[in-house]
C-alpha cells in the first residue's frame, strides 16, 4: 500500500471511531471521552514503531547518517507520553464530552529535529538530503485550544529535553 493510501486509511479509521463514539453517546446517553492524539513518543518507543523521533534516533545510531527529505522544511510536533497520560487523566476526571485534540503546541521543522538528534547522538553525523516524496504532509498541527480551555492542560516536555531518555534507551538497546 502506498503512503497516501495508508494515510487515508488511518484518517478514515479515526473518523469512523469518532462517529461511532458520538453515535453511541447519542443512542445510549453515555458520556464519551475521546482523545485525538498527535505524534506520541516516549522513553522506550518500540523498535520499528515508525515514529519519526524513534526512527531518527535508531537510524543515527545504526547507519551513522540521517536522511532529510526535501530541505527538511516540513513542520511537525511531538507530545511525550507522560504529558498525554496527564491529559487523559484530566479528561476522565473532567466534564468535557466529545473529541478533543491532544498534542504539543511546540512546532519545529524536520531539519531542526535532525540537527537536534545529530547534536545529541553524534555531532559528526552526516545529514543527507533526499527528494521530498510527492505525498508528504508539510505540516502536522493539532489544534489544542479546547484541551487548554476545557481541561487546563498543556504539554510540558519540550523537543529539546524529551529525546534525552529515548536516546539513552536506544544506545543501550542497540549495543
Protein backbone atom coordinates (compact mmCIF):
# COMPACT_ATOMS: atom_id res chain seq x y z
CA UNK A 1 0.00 0.00 0.00
CA UNK A 2 1.39 3.40 -0.83
CA UNK A 3 1.80 6.13 1.78
CA UNK A 4 -1.22 8.11 0.57
CA UNK A 5 -3.46 5.06 0.90
CA UNK A 6 -2.16 4.40 4.39
CA UNK A 7 -2.76 7.98 5.48
CA UNK A 8 -6.27 7.96 4.07
CA UNK A 9 -6.93 4.64 5.77
CA UNK A 10 -5.68 5.86 9.15
CA UNK A 11 -7.59 9.12 8.83
CA UNK A 12 -10.68 7.13 7.89
CA UNK A 13 -10.33 4.85 10.90
CA UNK A 14 -10.03 7.86 13.20
CA UNK A 15 -13.13 9.45 11.68
CA UNK A 16 -15.14 6.22 11.93
CA UNK A 17 -14.12 5.74 15.57
CA UNK A 18 -15.14 9.33 16.33
CA UNK A 19 -18.51 8.88 14.60
CA UNK A 20 -19.15 5.59 16.43
CA UNK A 21 -18.38 7.22 19.78
CA UNK A 22 -20.68 10.16 19.12
CA UNK A 23 -23.45 7.82 17.92
CA UNK A 24 -23.06 5.59 20.99
CA UNK A 25 -23.34 8.67 23.18
CA UNK A 26 -26.50 9.77 21.35
CA UNK A 27 -28.17 6.34 21.45
CA UNK A 28 -27.27 5.30 24.99
CA UNK A 29 -26.76 8.57 26.83
CA UNK A 30 -23.24 7.54 27.76
CA UNK A 31 -20.65 10.25 28.26
CA UNK A 32 -17.88 9.74 25.74
CA UNK A 33 -14.35 10.99 26.31
CA UNK A 34 -12.43 10.85 23.06
CA UNK A 35 -8.76 11.75 22.71
CA UNK A 36 -7.36 12.50 19.27
CA UNK A 37 -3.64 12.01 19.79
CA UNK A 38 -0.90 13.50 17.58
CA UNK A 39 2.72 12.27 17.23
CA UNK A 40 3.28 10.48 20.52
CA UNK A 41 6.72 9.43 21.66
CA UNK A 42 8.07 8.06 24.89
CA UNK A 43 11.19 6.82 26.64
CA UNK A 44 11.10 3.34 25.14
CA UNK A 45 9.45 3.75 21.78
CA UNK A 46 9.10 0.27 20.39
CA UNK A 47 11.65 -0.70 17.77
CA UNK A 48 10.07 -0.38 14.33
CA UNK A 49 7.43 1.90 15.88
CA UNK A 50 7.51 4.02 12.71
CA UNK A 51 7.62 7.15 14.84
CA UNK A 52 9.76 9.92 13.42
CA UNK A 53 11.75 10.56 16.60
CA UNK A 54 12.49 6.90 17.43
CA UNK A 55 13.30 6.10 13.80
CA UNK A 56 15.65 9.09 13.55
CA UNK A 57 17.49 8.09 16.72
CA UNK A 58 17.77 4.43 15.74
CA UNK A 59 18.92 5.36 12.23
CA UNK A 60 21.52 7.77 13.59
CA UNK A 61 22.91 5.07 15.89
CA UNK A 62 22.90 2.25 13.34
CA UNK A 63 23.58 3.82 9.93
CA UNK A 64 25.68 6.79 11.04
CA UNK A 65 23.81 9.33 8.93
CA UNK A 66 20.37 10.93 8.85
CA UNK A 67 18.21 11.41 5.78
CA UNK A 68 16.39 14.72 5.44
CA UNK A 69 13.68 14.78 2.79
CA UNK A 70 13.31 17.91 0.72
CA UNK A 71 15.08 20.63 2.64
CA UNK A 72 13.60 19.45 5.94
CA UNK A 73 11.07 22.27 5.91
CA UNK A 74 8.13 20.03 6.87
CA UNK A 75 6.65 21.11 10.20
CA UNK A 76 5.77 18.71 13.00
CA UNK A 77 5.17 18.44 16.74
CA UNK A 78 5.75 15.71 19.31
CA UNK A 79 3.91 15.00 22.50
CA UNK A 80 5.56 12.83 25.10
CA UNK A 81 3.61 10.02 26.70
CA UNK A 82 3.91 11.47 30.22
CA UNK A 83 2.13 14.64 29.03
CA UNK A 84 -0.56 12.61 27.27
CA UNK A 85 -1.22 10.45 30.33
CA UNK A 86 -1.65 13.57 32.44
CA UNK A 87 -4.14 14.97 29.93
CA UNK A 88 -6.12 11.72 29.66
CA UNK A 89 -6.47 11.68 33.47
CA UNK A 90 -7.71 15.30 33.37
CA UNK A 91 -10.15 14.36 30.63
CA UNK A 92 -11.52 11.36 32.54
CA UNK A 93 -11.97 13.42 35.71
CA UNK A 94 -13.49 16.40 33.90
CA UNK A 95 -16.87 17.17 32.40
CA UNK A 96 -15.87 17.61 28.77
CA UNK A 97 -17.56 15.18 26.39
CA UNK A 98 -16.76 14.62 22.77
CA UNK A 99 -13.50 14.59 20.83
CA UNK A 100 -10.54 16.66 21.96
CA UNK A 101 -7.12 17.03 20.30
CA UNK A 102 -4.08 16.21 22.41
CA UNK A 103 -0.67 17.30 21.24
CA UNK A 104 2.24 19.60 21.79
CA UNK A 105 1.98 23.24 20.66
CA UNK A 106 5.74 23.43 20.08
CA UNK A 107 6.30 23.33 16.32
CA UNK A 108 9.63 22.58 14.64
CA UNK A 109 10.99 21.64 11.24
CA UNK A 110 12.22 18.18 10.39
CA UNK A 111 15.65 19.74 9.75
CA UNK A 112 15.64 21.08 13.33
CA UNK A 113 14.82 17.57 14.57
CA UNK A 114 17.63 16.04 12.51
CA UNK A 115 20.13 18.61 13.81
CA UNK A 116 18.98 18.00 17.39
CA UNK A 117 19.35 14.22 17.06
CA UNK A 118 22.76 14.70 15.43
CA UNK A 119 23.91 17.00 18.26
CA UNK A 120 22.78 14.52 20.92
CA UNK A 121 23.88 11.27 19.22
CA UNK A 122 26.98 12.23 17.24
CA UNK A 123 27.87 15.77 16.13
CA UNK A 124 29.88 14.30 13.22
CA UNK A 125 26.79 12.58 11.80
CA UNK A 126 26.18 13.40 8.14
CA UNK A 127 22.82 14.84 7.08
CA UNK A 128 21.88 13.55 3.62
CA UNK A 129 19.23 15.44 1.66
CA UNK A 130 16.83 13.29 -0.37
CA UNK A 131 13.91 14.28 -2.60
CA UNK A 132 10.67 15.10 -0.82
CA UNK A 133 8.02 12.43 -1.53
CA UNK A 134 5.08 13.82 -3.51
CA UNK A 135 2.54 12.83 -0.87
CA UNK A 136 4.47 14.17 2.12
CA UNK A 137 2.44 16.24 4.56
CA UNK A 138 4.12 19.60 5.05
CA UNK A 139 2.51 20.40 8.39
CA UNK A 140 1.02 18.32 11.22
CA UNK A 141 -0.65 20.68 13.63
CA UNK A 142 -3.15 19.68 16.30
CA UNK A 143 -5.43 22.48 17.41
CA UNK A 144 -5.27 22.04 21.19
CA UNK A 145 -7.11 25.18 22.30
CA UNK A 146 -10.00 23.05 23.58
CA UNK A 147 -7.70 20.97 25.82
CA UNK A 148 -6.22 24.14 27.27
CA UNK A 149 -9.58 25.83 27.75
CA UNK A 150 -11.64 22.84 28.98
CA UNK A 151 -9.00 20.84 30.87
CA UNK A 152 -6.38 23.44 31.71
CA UNK A 153 -3.89 21.07 30.09
CA UNK A 154 -0.80 21.88 28.10
CA UNK A 155 2.17 19.70 27.16
CA UNK A 156 5.29 20.48 29.18
CA UNK A 157 8.04 18.24 27.76
CA UNK A 158 9.92 20.11 25.03
CA UNK A 159 11.64 18.72 21.96
CA UNK A 160 15.00 19.87 23.35
CA UNK A 161 14.66 17.80 26.55
CA UNK A 162 12.40 14.94 25.54
CA UNK A 163 14.75 12.87 23.36
CA UNK A 164 17.48 12.51 26.01
CA UNK A 165 15.96 9.45 27.72
CA UNK A 166 14.91 7.95 24.38
CA UNK A 167 18.45 8.27 23.03
CA UNK A 168 19.90 6.68 26.18
CA UNK A 169 17.43 3.82 25.88
CA UNK A 170 18.25 3.16 22.21
CA UNK A 171 22.01 3.35 22.85
CA UNK A 172 21.65 0.62 25.47
CA UNK A 173 19.15 -1.46 23.48
CA UNK A 174 21.20 -1.44 20.28
CA UNK A 175 24.52 -2.36 21.90
